[in-house]
Amino acid sequence: MYEIRRKIMGRLNMTYHLEKKAVQRTGKSPQTIWRRYATCGSSKLLERVRLGQECPEHWRVVLESAPLKKAG
């Protein structure tokens, strides 16, 4: 199981994003959206940034894994 996971993870580009919750008022009811403020390869670094914000509960760190693109 671990070997399969390692092979899959080796083919993916692991990117983390720091996002902030925002309210978008369109029409009659407001909608909650997440705006992306930073992108990094380290979740620990973005988590430190999130905790340093005035209201850390309005921020989140999310993982996005995308396949690596071949050069050429």
PDB file of N, CA and C in Angstrom:
ATOM      1  N   MET A   1       0.829  -1.202   0.000  1.00  0.00           N
ATOM      2  CA  MET A   1       0.000   0.000   0.000  1.00  0.00           C
ATOM      3  C   MET A   1       0.866   1.256   0.000  1.00  0.00           C
ATOM      4  N   TYR A   2       1.901   1.266   0.860  1.00  0.00           N
ATOM      5  CA  TYR A   2       2.774   2.434   0.936  1.00  0.00           C
ATOM      6  C   TYR A   2       3.510   2.637  -0.382  1.00  0.00           C
ATOM      7  N   GLU A   3       3.951   1.545  -1.004  1.00  0.00           N
ATOM      8  CA  GLU A   3       4.681   1.636  -2.268  1.00  0.00           C
ATOM      9  C   GLU A   3       3.798   2.238  -3.364  1.00  0.00           C
ATOM     10  N   ILE A   4       2.547   1.833  -3.426  1.00  0.00           N
ATOM     11  CA  ILE A   4       1.619   2.382  -4.417  1.00  0.00           C
ATOM     12  C   ILE A   4       1.413   3.872  -4.181  1.00  0.00           C
ATOM     13  N   ARG A   5       1.223   4.241  -2.921  1.00  0.00           N
ATOM     14  CA  ARG A   5       1.010   5.652  -2.591  1.00  0.00           C
ATOM     15  C   ARG A   5       2.233   6.479  -2.962  1.00  0.00           C
ATOM     16  N   ARG A   6       3.418   5.951  -2.703  1.00  0.00           N
ATOM     17  CA  ARG A   6       4.647   6.682  -3.012  1.00  0.00           C
ATOM     18  C   ARG A   6       4.792   6.879  -4.521  1.00  0.00           C
ATOM     19  N   LYS A   7       4.421   5.883  -5.313  1.00  0.00           N
ATOM     20  CA  LYS A   7       4.496   6.011  -6.762  1.00  0.00           C
ATOM     21  C   LYS A   7       3.507   7.063  -7.267  1.00  0.00           C
ATOM     22  N   ILE A   8       2.318   7.059  -6.718  1.00  0.00           N
ATOM     23  CA  ILE A   8       1.305   8.044  -7.123  1.00  0.00           C
ATOM     24  C   ILE A   8       1.749   9.441  -6.724  1.00  0.00           C
ATOM     25  N   MET A   9       2.231   9.604  -5.499  1.00  0.00           N
ATOM     26  CA  MET A   9       2.634  10.915  -5.012  1.00  0.00           C
ATOM     27  C   MET A   9       3.848  11.428  -5.777  1.00  0.00           C
ATOM     28  N   GLY A  10       4.704  10.531  -6.251  1.00  0.00           N
ATOM     29  CA  GLY A  10       5.877  10.943  -7.000  1.00  0.00           C
ATOM     30  C   GLY A  10       5.522  11.567  -8.339  1.00  0.00           C
ATOM     31  N   ARG A  11       4.363  11.277  -8.875  1.00  0.00           N
ATOM     32  CA  ARG A  11       3.943  11.813 -10.170  1.00  0.00           C
ATOM     33  C   ARG A  11       3.113  13.085 -10.042  1.00  0.00           C
ATOM     34  N   LEU A  12       2.848  13.503  -8.834  1.00  0.00           N
ATOM     35  CA  LEU A  12       2.003  14.674  -8.616  1.00  0.00           C
ATOM     36  C   LEU A  12       2.826  15.846  -8.110  1.00  0.00           C
ATOM     37  N   ASN A  13       2.397  17.024  -8.470  1.00  0.00           N
ATOM     38  CA  ASN A  13       2.994  18.245  -7.965  1.00  0.00           C
ATOM     39  C   ASN A  13       2.150  18.695  -6.784  1.00  0.00           C
ATOM     40  N   MET A  14       2.669  18.572  -5.568  1.00  0.00           N
ATOM     41  CA  MET A  14       1.919  18.912  -4.363  1.00  0.00           C
ATOM     42  C   MET A  14       2.084  20.406  -4.088  1.00  0.00           C
ATOM     43  N   THR A  15       0.994  21.134  -4.187  1.00  0.00           N
ATOM     44  CA  THR A  15       0.993  22.568  -3.972  1.00  0.00           C
ATOM     45  C   THR A  15      -0.051  22.907  -2.920  1.00  0.00           C
ATOM     46  N   TYR A  16       0.319  23.795  -2.015  1.00  0.00           N
ATOM     47  CA  TYR A  16      -0.591  24.243  -0.971  1.00  0.00           C
ATOM     48  C   TYR A  16      -0.954  25.695  -1.229  1.00  0.00           C
ATOM     49  N   HIS A  17      -2.184  26.037  -0.872  1.00  0.00           N
ATOM     50  CA  HIS A  17      -2.673  27.395  -1.080  1.00  0.00           C
ATOM     51  C   HIS A  17      -3.211  27.953   0.233  1.00  0.00           C
ATOM     52  N   LEU A  18      -2.956  29.226   0.456  1.00  0.00           N
ATOM     53  CA  LEU A  18      -3.519  29.942   1.596  1.00  0.00           C
ATOM     54  C   LEU A  18      -4.708  30.728   1.081  1.00  0.00           C
ATOM     55  N   GLU A  19      -5.873  30.453   1.643  1.00  0.00           N
ATOM     56  CA  GLU A  19      -7.105  31.091   1.187  1.00  0.00           C
ATOM     57  C   GLU A  19      -7.814  31.770   2.347  1.00  0.00           C
ATOM     58  N   LYS A  20      -8.525  32.857   2.023  1.00  0.00           N
ATOM     59  CA  LYS A  20      -9.284  33.611   3.023  1.00  0.00           C
ATOM     60  C   LYS A  20     -10.761  33.586   2.653  1.00  0.00           C
ATOM     61  N   LYS A  21     -11.582  33.386   3.664  1.00  0.00           N
ATOM     62  CA  LYS A  21     -13.035  33.379   3.471  1.00  0.00           C
ATOM     63  C   LYS A  21     -13.522  34.799   3.218  1.00  0.00           C
ATOM     64  N   ALA A  22     -14.355  34.950   2.210  1.00  0.00           N
ATOM     65  CA  ALA A  22     -14.925  36.251   1.874  1.00  0.00           C
ATOM     66  C   ALA A  22     -16.404  36.065   1.568  1.00  0.00           C
ATOM     67  N   VAL A  23     -17.170  37.108   1.790  1.00  0.00           N
ATOM     68  CA  VAL A  23     -18.599  37.069   1.496  1.00  0.00           C
ATOM     69  C   VAL A  23     -18.830  37.868   0.229  1.00  0.00           C
ATOM     70  N   GLN A  24     -19.478  37.237  -0.735  1.00  0.00           N
ATOM     71  CA  GLN A  24     -19.788  37.882  -2.003  1.00  0.00           C
ATOM     72  C   GLN A  24     -21.292  38.128  -2.042  1.00  0.00           C
ATOM     73  N   ARG A  25     -21.657  39.377  -2.172  1.00  0.00           N
ATOM     74  CA  ARG A  25     -23.077  39.726  -2.187  1.00  0.00           C
ATOM     75  C   ARG A  25     -23.553  39.883  -3.623  1.00  0.00           C
ATOM     76  N   THR A  26     -24.173  38.845  -4.133  1.00  0.00           N
ATOM     77  CA  THR A  26     -24.753  38.893  -5.471  1.00  0.00           C
ATOM     78  C   THR A  26     -26.205  38.476  -5.351  1.00  0.00           C
ATOM     79  N   GLY A  27     -27.087  39.298  -5.830  1.00  0.00           N
ATOM     80  CA  GLY A  27     -28.506  38.968  -5.746  1.00  0.00           C
ATOM     81  C   GLY A  27     -29.038  39.141  -4.342  1.00  0.00           C
ATOM     82  N   LYS A  28     -29.921  38.251  -3.944  1.00  0.00           N
ATOM     83  CA  LYS A  28     -30.601  38.374  -2.650  1.00  0.00           C
ATOM     84  C   LYS A  28     -29.820  37.783  -1.497  1.00  0.00           C
ATOM     85  N   SER A  29     -29.103  36.692  -1.725  1.00  0.00           N
ATOM     86  CA  SER A  29     -28.409  36.038  -0.611  1.00  0.00           C
ATOM     87  C   SER A  29     -26.894  36.083  -0.802  1.00  0.00           C
ATOM     88  N   PRO A  30     -26.163  36.411   0.263  1.00  0.00           N
ATOM     89  CA  PRO A  30     -24.702  36.434   0.167  1.00  0.00           C
ATOM     90  C   PRO A  30     -24.142  35.014   0.072  1.00  0.00           C
ATOM     91  N   GLN A  31     -23.029  34.886  -0.631  1.00  0.00           N
ATOM     92  CA  GLN A  31     -22.371  33.598  -0.774  1.00  0.00           C
ATOM     93  C   GLN A  31     -20.973  33.674  -0.197  1.00  0.00           C
ATOM     94  N   THR A  32     -20.534  32.582   0.422  1.00  0.00           N
ATOM     95  CA  THR A  32     -19.181  32.500   0.941  1.00  0.00           C
ATOM     96  C   THR A  32     -18.272  31.957  -0.148  1.00  0.00           C
ATOM     97  N   ILE A  33     -17.178  32.667  -0.402  1.00  0.00           N
ATOM     98  CA  ILE A  33     -16.189  32.207  -1.368  1.00  0.00           C
ATOM     99  C   ILE A  33     -14.821  32.220  -0.680  1.00  0.00           C
ATOM    100  N   TRP A  34     -13.869  31.518  -1.263  1.00  0.00           N
ATOM    101  CA  TRP A  34     -12.501  31.481  -0.737  1.00  0.00           C
ATOM    102  C   TRP A  34     -11.578  32.120  -1.760  1.00  0.00           C
ATOM    103  N   ARG A  35     -10.887  33.187  -1.345  1.00  0.00           N
ATOM    104  CA  ARG A  35      -9.943  33.871  -2.219  1.00  0.00           C
ATOM    105  C   ARG A  35      -8.526  33.383  -1.916  1.00  0.00           C
ATOM    106  N   ARG A  36      -7.797  33.082  -2.960  1.00  0.00           N
ATOM    107  CA  ARG A  36      -6.441  32.554  -2.832  1.00  0.00           C
ATOM    108  C   ARG A  36      -5.455  33.710  -2.708  1.00  0.00           C
ATOM    109  N   TYR A  37      -4.622  33.655  -1.664  1.00  0.00           N
ATOM    110  CA  TYR A  37      -3.660  34.720  -1.418  1.00  0.00           C
ATOM    111  C   TYR A  37      -2.216  34.280  -1.596  1.00  0.00           C
ATOM    112  N   ALA A  38      -1.924  33.000  -1.419  1.00  0.00           N
ATOM    113  CA  ALA A  38      -0.536  32.543  -1.525  1.00  0.00           C
ATOM    114  C   ALA A  38      -0.511  31.088  -1.974  1.00  0.00           C
ATOM    115  N   THR A  39       0.593  30.723  -2.620  1.00  0.00           N
ATOM    116  CA  THR A  39       0.825  29.365  -3.064  1.00  0.00           C
ATOM    117  C   THR A  39       2.241  28.981  -2.656  1.00  0.00           C
ATOM    118  N   CYS A  40       2.377  27.751  -2.151  1.00  0.00           N
ATOM    119  CA  CYS A  40       3.679  27.329  -1.646  1.00  0.00           C
ATOM    120  C   CYS A  40       3.753  25.806  -1.686  1.00  0.00           C
ATOM    121  N   GLY A  41       4.951  25.272  -1.635  1.00  0.00           N
ATOM    122  CA  GLY A  41       5.141  23.830  -1.581  1.00  0.00           C
ATOM    123  C   GLY A  41       5.162  23.301  -0.158  1.00  0.00           C
ATOM    124  N   SER A  42       5.079  24.181   0.831  1.00  0.00           N
ATOM    125  CA  SER A  42       5.161  23.787   2.232  1.00  0.00           C
ATOM    126  C   SER A  42       3.885  24.169   2.985  1.00  0.00           C
ATOM    127  N   SER A  43       3.189  23.171   3.482  1.00  0.00           N
ATOM    128  CA  SER A  43       1.984  23.457   4.259  1.00  0.00           C
ATOM    129  C   SER A  43       2.337  24.061   5.615  1.00  0.00           C
ATOM    130  N   LYS A  44       3.478  23.678   6.173  1.00  0.00           N
ATOM    131  CA  LYS A  44       3.883  24.199   7.483  1.00  0.00           C
ATOM    132  C   LYS A  44       4.118  25.707   7.427  1.00  0.00           C
ATOM    133  N   LEU A  45       4.735  26.166   6.359  1.00  0.00           N
ATOM    134  CA  LEU A  45       4.985  27.596   6.219  1.00  0.00           C
ATOM    135  C   LEU A  45       3.676  28.372   6.105  1.00  0.00           C
ATOM    136  N   LEU A  46       2.760  27.883   5.273  1.00  0.00           N
ATOM    137  CA  LEU A  46       1.480  28.574   5.120  1.00  0.00           C
ATOM    138  C   LEU A  46       0.651  28.514   6.398  1.00  0.00           C
ATOM    139  N   GLU A  47       0.779  27.441   7.152  1.00  0.00           N
ATOM    140  CA  GLU A  47       0.058  27.339   8.423  1.00  0.00           C
ATOM    141  C   GLU A  47       0.583  28.380   9.422  1.00  0.00           C
ATOM    142  N   ARG A  48       1.880  28.620   9.409  1.00  0.00           N
ATOM    143  CA  ARG A  48       2.453  29.650  10.279  1.00  0.00           C
ATOM    144  C   ARG A  48       1.932  31.033   9.888  1.00  0.00           C
ATOM    145  N   VAL A  49       1.824  31.277   8.583  1.00  0.00           N
ATOM    146  CA  VAL A  49       1.284  32.556   8.102  1.00  0.00           C
ATOM    147  C   VAL A  49      -0.171  32.687   8.532  1.00  0.00           C
ATOM    148  N   ARG A  50      -0.949  31.616   8.367  1.00  0.00           N
ATOM    149  CA  ARG A  50      -2.366  31.631   8.740  1.00  0.00           C
ATOM    150  C   ARG A  50      -2.535  31.954  10.218  1.00  0.00           C
ATOM    151  N   LEU A  51      -1.736  31.334  11.061  1.00  0.00           N
ATOM    152  CA  LEU A  51      -1.852  31.563  12.503  1.00  0.00           C
ATOM    153  C   LEU A  51      -1.417  32.967  12.901  1.00  0.00           C
ATOM    154  N   GLY A  52      -0.626  33.627  12.067  1.00  0.00           N
ATOM    155  CA  GLY A  52      -0.186  34.992  12.351  1.00  0.00           C
ATOM    156  C   GLY A  52      -1.188  36.055  11.930  1.00  0.00           C
ATOM    157  N   GLN A  53      -2.259  35.654  11.280  1.00  0.00           N
ATOM    158  CA  GLN A  53      -3.270  36.615  10.834  1.00  0.00           C
ATOM    159  C   GLN A  53      -4.163  37.044  11.996  1.00  0.00           C
ATOM    160  N   GLU A  54      -4.826  38.170  11.827  1.00  0.00           N
ATOM    161  CA  GLU A  54      -5.686  38.721  12.879  1.00  0.00           C
ATOM    162  C   GLU A  54      -6.822  37.762  13.251  1.00  0.00           C
ATOM    163  N   CYS A  55      -7.477  37.170  12.286  1.00  0.00           N
ATOM    164  CA  CYS A  55      -8.553  36.198  12.518  1.00  0.00           C
ATOM    165  C   CYS A  55      -8.207  34.893  11.792  1.00  0.00           C
ATOM    166  N   PRO A  56      -7.388  34.026  12.392  1.00  0.00           N
ATOM    167  CA  PRO A  56      -6.959  32.815  11.689  1.00  0.00           C
ATOM    168  C   PRO A  56      -8.100  31.875  11.329  1.00  0.00           C
ATOM    169  N   GLU A  57      -9.243  32.009  11.992  1.00  0.00           N
ATOM    170  CA  GLU A  57     -10.377  31.137  11.674  1.00  0.00           C
ATOM    171  C   GLU A  57     -11.006  31.483  10.324  1.00  0.00           C
ATOM    172  N   HIS A  58     -10.656  32.647   9.756  1.00  0.00           N
ATOM    173  CA  HIS A  58     -11.152  33.038   8.436  1.00  0.00           C
ATOM    174  C   HIS A  58     -10.212  32.600   7.316  1.00  0.00           C
ATOM    175  N   TRP A  59      -9.142  31.920   7.671  1.00  0.00           N
ATOM    176  CA  TRP A  59      -8.134  31.475   6.710  1.00  0.00           C
ATOM    177  C   TRP A  59      -8.062  29.958   6.716  1.00  0.00           C
ATOM    178  N   ARG A  60      -7.595  29.389   5.584  1.00  0.00           N
ATOM    179  CA  ARG A  60      -7.370  27.945   5.532  1.00  0.00           C
ATOM    180  C   ARG A  60      -6.211  27.648   4.577  1.00  0.00           C
ATOM    181  N   VAL A  61      -5.589  26.493   4.799  1.00  0.00           N
ATOM    182  CA  VAL A  61      -4.545  25.984   3.918  1.00  0.00           C
ATOM    183  C   VAL A  61      -5.119  24.751   3.241  1.00  0.00           C
ATOM    184  N   VAL A  62      -5.098  24.739   1.915  1.00  0.00           N
ATOM    185  CA  VAL A  62      -5.657  23.622   1.157  1.00  0.00           C
ATOM    186  C   VAL A  62      -4.579  23.023   0.252  1.00  0.00           C
ATOM    187  N   LEU A  63      -4.707  21.741   0.020  1.00  0.00           N
ATOM    188  CA  LEU A  63      -3.780  21.005  -0.823  1.00  0.00           C
ATOM    189  C   LEU A  63      -4.372  20.857  -2.217  1.00  0.00           C
ATOM    190  N   GLU A  64      -3.555  21.100  -3.199  1.00  0.00           N
ATOM    191  CA  GLU A  64      -3.956  20.851  -4.585  1.00  0.00           C
ATOM    192  C   GLU A  64      -2.867  19.994  -5.211  1.00  0.00           C
ATOM    193  N   SER A  65      -3.244  18.841  -5.680  1.00  0.00           N
ATOM    194  CA  SER A  65      -2.269  17.973  -6.329  1.00  0.00           C
ATOM    195  C   SER A  65      -2.596  17.898  -7.810  1.00  0.00           C
ATOM    196  N   ALA A  66      -1.624  18.212  -8.615  1.00  0.00           N
ATOM    197  CA  ALA A  66      -1.811  18.216 -10.066  1.00  0.00           C
ATOM    198  C   ALA A  66      -0.706  17.364 -10.686  1.00  0.00           C
ATOM    199  N   PRO A  67      -1.010  16.678 -11.775  1.00  0.00           N
ATOM    200  CA  PRO A  67       0.016  15.881 -12.439  1.00  0.00           C
ATOM    201  C   PRO A  67       1.154  16.756 -12.945  1.00  0.00           C
ATOM    202  N   LEU A  68       2.365  16.243 -12.863  1.00  0.00           N
ATOM    203  CA  LEU A  68       3.515  16.963 -13.373  1.00  0.00           C
ATOM    204  C   LEU A  68       3.461  17.007 -14.895  1.00  0.00           C
ATOM    205  N   LYS A  69       3.822  18.143 -15.445  1.00  0.00           N
ATOM    206  CA  LYS A  69       3.866  18.289 -16.901  1.00  0.00           C
ATOM    207  C   LYS A  69       5.246  17.909 -17.397  1.00  0.00           C
ATOM    208  N   LYS A  70       5.313  17.192 -18.486  1.00  0.00           N
ATOM    209  CA  LYS A  70       6.594  16.829 -19.079  1.00  0.00           C
ATOM    210  C   LYS A  70       7.102  17.984 -19.928  1.00  0.00           C
ATOM    211  N   ALA A  71       8.400  18.230 -19.829  1.00  0.00           N
ATOM    212  CA  ALA A  71       9.002  19.299 -20.623  1.00  0.00           C
ATOM    213  C   ALA A  71       9.097  18.873 -22.087  1.00  0.00           C
ATOM    214  N   GLY A  72       8.893  19.838 -22.966  1.00  0.00           N
ATOM    215  CA  GLY A  72       9.083  19.575 -24.381  1.00  0.00           C
ATOM    216  C   GLY A  72       7.853  19.349 -25.058  1.00  0.00           C
TER     217      GLY A  72
END
